[in-house]
Amino acid sequence: MKPAAFAYDDPRELGHVLDLLAREGEDVKVLAGGQSLVPLLNFRLARPDRLVDLNRVEELAYLRRDGDVLRIGALARHADLERSEEVAAGWPLLAAAVRFVGHVQIRARGTVCGSVAHADPAAELPVALAALDARFHVRSARGSRTLGAEELFLGFLTTTLEPDELLVEIEVPAPPAGSGSAFVEHARTHGDFALGGAAAVVAGREARLALLAAGPVPLRAREAEEVVATRGSFPEAADAAVAALELTGPDADWRRALLRELALRALERAAA
């Protein structure tokens, strides 16, 4: 299959991008890495009138430490995250999660912000970012706003981004002092879509836990975190993480058991 016809723009400045989005609205799609968008175009599941290519907007191509914060621009690739010594040292959960993303070719082109904006609940980085309390900076010609994960992700492949808005930066605070982290997932083969996964950050009785492929959005397991804080029991926390999941289908019980085991492993490994 080939995509339906569309107009093409390759602006050099963010202001020009935002003007195009304001003018075209719902009839425009943004291209960064293209690892999700191009297949949708080729199968004609997406048929935009105009495609705006970000790849010449150099001001968005950065991955840098800013004090105790990691800043990820809209054109930072998965491979940038994977190869960064600063990320490995300061945000090891991201370094662990990105290794599960597709294959080398996908990580070379795909962008971190693109993965987040695509909002696939089986994607690794949105779950890891949720566990790290990341904040998502959004711009449009109308202004800017900053969202947490629970404000950004709305449903399966759906976010609260308006048609004229662009996710320009992800801000990731440093994990708590003395914390450990772990990312685990289960897939039929390496690089395939995960059937379940968990990201954990643990510092004593402070824990953060997010689940992958457990619902329509990356799921922060707040009940499990409360169990760790009050009772310090990882098995009980894993039980709490899956107790309220609304899983359907003939494999629902199997998936619940899988997610419980992955949540437990992530918590135990992070604590270790």
Protein backbone atom coordinates (compact mmCIF):
# COMPACT_ATOMS: atom_id res chain seq x y z
CA MET A 1 0.00 0.00 0.00
CA LYS A 2 0.99 3.60 -0.54
CA PRO A 3 -0.28 6.64 1.36
CA ALA A 4 -3.01 8.85 0.02
CA ALA A 5 -1.84 12.14 -1.50
CA PHE A 6 -0.91 14.91 0.92
CA ALA A 7 0.80 18.31 0.93
CA TYR A 8 4.24 18.41 2.55
CA ASP A 9 6.03 21.06 4.62
CA ASP A 10 9.53 20.91 6.15
CA PRO A 11 9.81 24.06 8.30
CA ARG A 12 13.07 25.11 9.96
CA GLU A 13 11.60 26.90 12.99
CA LEU A 14 9.22 25.85 15.74
CA GLY A 15 7.14 29.00 15.24
CA HIS A 16 6.47 28.01 11.65
CA VAL A 17 5.44 24.52 12.76
CA LEU A 18 2.96 25.93 15.27
CA ASP A 19 1.53 28.32 12.66
CA LEU A 20 0.96 25.41 10.29
CA LEU A 21 -0.76 23.38 13.00
CA ALA A 22 -2.96 26.35 13.91
CA ARG A 23 -3.94 26.85 10.27
CA GLU A 24 -4.53 23.23 9.27
CA GLY A 25 -5.99 21.85 12.50
CA GLU A 26 -7.22 18.25 12.36
CA ASP A 27 -6.17 17.84 8.71
CA VAL A 28 -2.42 17.84 9.50
CA LYS A 29 -0.07 15.20 10.91
CA VAL A 30 3.40 15.77 12.34
CA LEU A 31 6.34 13.60 11.23
CA ALA A 32 9.35 13.10 13.51
CA GLY A 33 10.66 9.52 13.54
CA GLY A 34 7.72 8.13 11.59
CA GLN A 35 7.93 4.65 13.10
CA SER A 36 4.22 4.72 13.99
CA LEU A 37 2.90 7.29 11.51
CA VAL A 38 4.36 5.91 8.26
CA PRO A 39 2.70 2.47 8.61
CA LEU A 40 -0.62 4.20 9.34
CA LEU A 41 -0.17 6.32 6.21
CA ASN A 42 0.76 3.33 4.07
CA PHE A 43 -2.30 1.36 5.18
CA ARG A 44 -4.39 4.52 4.76
CA LEU A 45 -5.55 4.35 8.36
CA ALA A 46 -4.33 7.96 8.52
CA ARG A 47 -5.18 10.25 5.58
CA PRO A 48 -3.99 13.78 6.45
CA ASP A 49 -4.27 16.61 3.96
CA ARG A 50 -0.85 17.88 5.03
CA LEU A 51 2.28 16.43 6.61
CA VAL A 52 4.57 18.69 8.66
CA ASP A 53 8.11 17.28 8.92
CA LEU A 54 9.93 18.34 12.10
CA ASN A 55 13.33 16.96 11.17
CA ARG A 56 14.85 20.29 10.12
CA VAL A 57 13.76 22.09 13.30
CA GLU A 58 17.13 21.87 15.01
CA GLU A 59 15.99 23.63 18.20
CA LEU A 60 13.98 20.49 19.05
CA ALA A 61 16.93 18.08 18.64
CA TYR A 62 18.39 17.81 22.14
CA LEU A 63 18.81 15.50 25.10
CA ARG A 64 20.48 17.23 28.03
CA ARG A 65 20.82 17.31 31.76
CA ASP A 66 19.72 20.57 33.35
CA GLY A 67 20.66 20.38 37.03
CA ASP A 68 18.58 17.57 38.52
CA VAL A 69 16.31 17.40 35.46
CA LEU A 70 16.62 15.53 32.17
CA ARG A 71 15.19 17.41 29.20
CA ILE A 72 14.18 15.46 26.10
CA GLY A 73 13.39 17.49 22.98
CA ALA A 74 10.86 16.46 20.37
CA LEU A 75 13.56 15.20 17.98
CA ALA A 76 15.60 13.20 20.52
CA ARG A 77 15.80 9.62 19.24
CA HIS A 78 15.46 6.43 21.21
CA ALA A 79 19.09 5.77 20.28
CA ASP A 80 20.14 9.06 21.90
CA LEU A 81 18.57 7.89 25.13
CA GLU A 82 20.11 4.43 24.79
CA ARG A 83 23.65 5.74 24.22
CA SER A 84 23.68 8.55 26.79
CA GLU A 85 26.05 8.04 29.71
CA GLU A 86 24.21 10.75 31.68
CA VAL A 87 20.91 8.91 31.26
CA ALA A 88 22.49 5.60 32.29
CA ALA A 89 23.95 7.21 35.42
CA GLY A 90 21.07 9.46 36.46
CA TRP A 91 17.95 7.84 34.99
CA PRO A 92 18.73 4.11 34.75
CA LEU A 93 15.04 3.21 34.43
CA LEU A 94 14.91 4.99 31.05
CA ALA A 95 18.14 3.33 29.96
CA ALA A 96 16.67 -0.07 30.84
CA ALA A 97 13.27 0.56 29.23
CA VAL A 98 14.57 1.87 25.90
CA ARG A 99 16.46 -1.37 25.24
CA PHE A 100 13.10 -3.13 24.91
CA VAL A 101 11.88 -0.74 22.19
CA GLY A 102 11.64 -2.56 18.85
CA HIS A 103 14.97 -3.17 17.13
CA VAL A 104 18.10 -1.13 16.40
CA GLN A 105 16.66 0.39 13.21
CA ILE A 106 13.52 1.52 15.00
CA ARG A 107 15.48 3.06 17.86
CA ALA A 108 17.72 4.89 15.38
CA ARG A 109 14.78 6.82 13.90
CA GLY A 110 11.98 6.73 16.45
CA THR A 111 11.65 9.67 18.85
CA VAL A 112 10.86 9.63 22.55
CA CYS A 113 8.22 12.36 22.24
CA GLY A 114 6.72 10.58 19.25
CA SER A 115 6.30 7.40 21.27
CA VAL A 116 4.59 9.36 24.03
CA ALA A 117 2.27 11.24 21.64
CA HIS A 118 1.30 7.95 19.93
CA ALA A 119 0.03 6.80 23.35
CA ASP A 120 0.26 3.05 22.86
CA PRO A 121 -0.31 1.47 26.31
CA ALA A 122 2.05 -1.36 25.30
CA ALA A 123 4.93 1.08 24.65
CA GLU A 124 7.83 1.00 27.07
CA LEU A 125 8.86 4.64 27.44
CA PRO A 126 5.47 6.14 28.38
CA VAL A 127 5.26 3.63 31.25
CA ALA A 128 8.81 4.36 32.44
CA LEU A 129 8.16 8.11 32.23
CA ALA A 130 4.95 7.72 34.24
CA ALA A 131 6.92 5.95 36.99
CA LEU A 132 9.44 8.80 36.99
CA ASP A 133 6.79 11.53 37.39
CA ALA A 134 7.77 13.09 34.07
CA ARG A 135 6.12 16.29 32.93
CA PHE A 136 5.17 16.94 29.33
CA HIS A 137 5.55 20.43 27.83
CA VAL A 138 3.08 21.25 25.08
CA ARG A 139 3.14 24.25 22.75
CA SER A 140 0.73 25.81 20.27
CA ALA A 141 0.33 29.19 18.63
CA ARG A 142 -2.12 29.95 21.47
CA GLY A 143 0.41 29.35 24.24
CA SER A 144 1.91 26.53 26.31
CA ARG A 145 0.92 24.12 29.05
CA THR A 146 2.54 21.39 31.13
CA LEU A 147 0.88 18.05 31.83
CA GLY A 148 1.52 15.06 34.04
CA ALA A 149 1.12 11.54 32.67
CA GLU A 150 -2.36 11.13 34.12
CA GLU A 151 -3.39 14.42 32.49
CA LEU A 152 -1.88 13.58 29.09
CA PHE A 153 -2.96 10.00 28.40
CA LEU A 154 -6.69 9.75 27.74
CA GLY A 155 -7.26 6.31 26.19
CA PHE A 156 -5.93 3.81 23.67
CA LEU A 157 -3.80 5.78 21.16
CA THR A 158 -5.45 8.95 22.49
CA THR A 159 -4.10 11.93 24.41
CA THR A 160 -5.47 15.26 25.54
CA LEU A 161 -3.32 17.09 22.97
CA GLU A 162 -5.39 19.43 20.82
CA PRO A 163 -4.97 19.26 17.00
CA ASP A 164 -2.90 22.47 16.99
CA GLU A 165 -0.61 21.38 19.86
CA LEU A 166 2.84 19.82 19.74
CA LEU A 167 4.67 17.93 22.48
CA VAL A 168 7.96 19.84 22.41
CA GLU A 169 9.75 18.56 25.52
CA ILE A 170 9.65 15.94 28.24
CA GLU A 171 11.02 16.98 31.62
CA VAL A 172 12.15 14.10 33.83
CA PRO A 173 13.10 14.86 37.45
CA ALA A 174 15.90 12.89 39.04
CA PRO A 175 14.77 9.76 40.93
CA PRO A 176 14.75 9.94 44.74
CA ALA A 177 18.17 9.83 46.37
CA GLY A 178 19.30 6.30 47.10
CA SER A 179 16.59 4.73 44.97
CA GLY A 180 16.84 1.70 42.74
CA SER A 181 14.82 1.04 39.60
CA ALA A 182 13.84 -1.83 37.35
CA PHE A 183 11.97 -2.40 34.10
CA VAL A 184 10.60 -5.83 33.17
CA GLU A 185 8.31 -7.01 30.39
CA HIS A 186 7.13 -10.16 28.67
CA ALA A 187 6.76 -10.51 24.90
CA ARG A 188 6.54 -13.55 22.63
CA THR A 189 9.78 -12.52 20.90
CA HIS A 190 12.27 -9.70 21.47
CA GLY A 191 11.06 -6.50 19.83
CA ASP A 192 7.45 -7.72 19.61
CA PHE A 193 4.61 -5.89 21.34
CA ALA A 194 4.74 -6.61 25.06
CA LEU A 195 1.96 -8.67 26.63
CA GLY A 196 2.68 -7.06 29.97
CA GLY A 197 5.34 -5.13 31.82
CA ALA A 198 6.18 -3.03 34.85
CA ALA A 199 8.45 -0.11 35.75
CA ALA A 200 9.41 0.46 39.38
CA VAL A 201 11.38 2.97 41.42
CA VAL A 202 12.00 2.06 45.08
CA ALA A 203 13.70 3.98 47.90
CA GLY A 204 13.01 2.31 51.23
CA ARG A 205 9.25 2.40 51.70
CA GLU A 206 8.75 4.94 48.93
CA ALA A 207 7.80 3.18 45.71
CA ARG A 208 6.51 4.14 42.31
CA LEU A 209 5.04 1.48 40.06
CA ALA A 210 3.59 1.74 36.55
CA LEU A 211 2.16 -1.11 34.46
CA LEU A 212 2.45 -1.69 30.73
CA ALA A 213 -0.34 -3.26 28.61
CA ALA A 214 -2.62 -3.33 31.65
CA GLY A 215 -5.32 -1.02 30.28
CA PRO A 216 -5.98 1.72 27.72
CA VAL A 217 -3.24 4.01 29.12
CA PRO A 218 0.08 3.62 30.96
CA LEU A 219 -1.22 2.73 34.41
CA ARG A 220 0.27 4.15 37.63
CA ALA A 221 -0.46 1.60 40.38
CA ARG A 222 -1.20 4.02 43.22
CA GLU A 223 -2.79 1.35 45.43
CA ALA A 224 0.38 -0.75 45.23
CA GLU A 225 2.53 2.25 46.13
CA GLU A 226 0.38 2.84 49.21
CA VAL A 227 0.81 -0.79 50.29
CA VAL A 228 4.60 -0.46 50.11
CA ALA A 229 4.46 2.77 52.13
CA THR A 230 2.21 1.36 54.88
CA ARG A 231 3.12 -2.33 55.07
CA GLY A 232 6.39 -2.68 53.16
CA SER A 233 5.21 -5.89 51.47
CA PHE A 234 6.04 -6.31 47.79
CA PRO A 235 3.81 -9.41 47.32
CA GLU A 236 0.85 -7.54 48.79
CA ALA A 237 1.69 -4.53 46.64
CA ALA A 238 1.73 -6.72 43.51
CA ASP A 239 -1.70 -8.07 44.51
CA ALA A 240 -2.99 -4.52 44.91
CA ALA A 241 -1.53 -3.47 41.55
CA VAL A 242 -3.74 -5.90 39.63
CA ALA A 243 -6.78 -6.15 41.88
CA ALA A 244 -8.79 -3.44 40.14
CA LEU A 245 -7.64 -4.05 36.56
CA GLU A 246 -10.53 -4.26 34.08
CA LEU A 247 -9.19 -7.07 31.92
CA THR A 248 -11.46 -8.84 29.44
CA GLY A 249 -11.26 -11.77 27.05
CA PRO A 250 -10.48 -15.45 27.49
CA ASP A 251 -6.92 -14.73 28.63
CA ALA A 252 -7.88 -12.16 31.29
CA ASP A 253 -6.91 -14.38 34.23
CA TRP A 254 -3.58 -15.26 32.60
CA ARG A 255 -2.81 -11.61 31.91
CA ARG A 256 -3.67 -10.64 35.48
CA ALA A 257 -1.33 -13.33 36.81
CA LEU A 258 1.39 -12.21 34.38
CA LEU A 259 1.10 -8.56 35.40
CA ARG A 260 1.16 -9.47 39.09
CA GLU A 261 4.38 -11.45 38.61
CA LEU A 262 6.00 -8.68 36.57
CA ALA A 263 5.00 -6.04 39.15
CA LEU A 264 6.54 -8.16 41.91
CA ARG A 265 9.75 -8.71 39.97
CA ALA A 266 10.09 -5.00 39.18
CA LEU A 267 9.61 -3.99 42.83
CA GLU A 268 12.03 -6.64 44.13
CA ARG A 269 14.71 -5.84 41.56
CA ALA A 270 14.39 -2.11 42.15
CA ALA A 271 14.75 -2.63 45.90
CA ALA A 272 17.79 -4.86 45.37
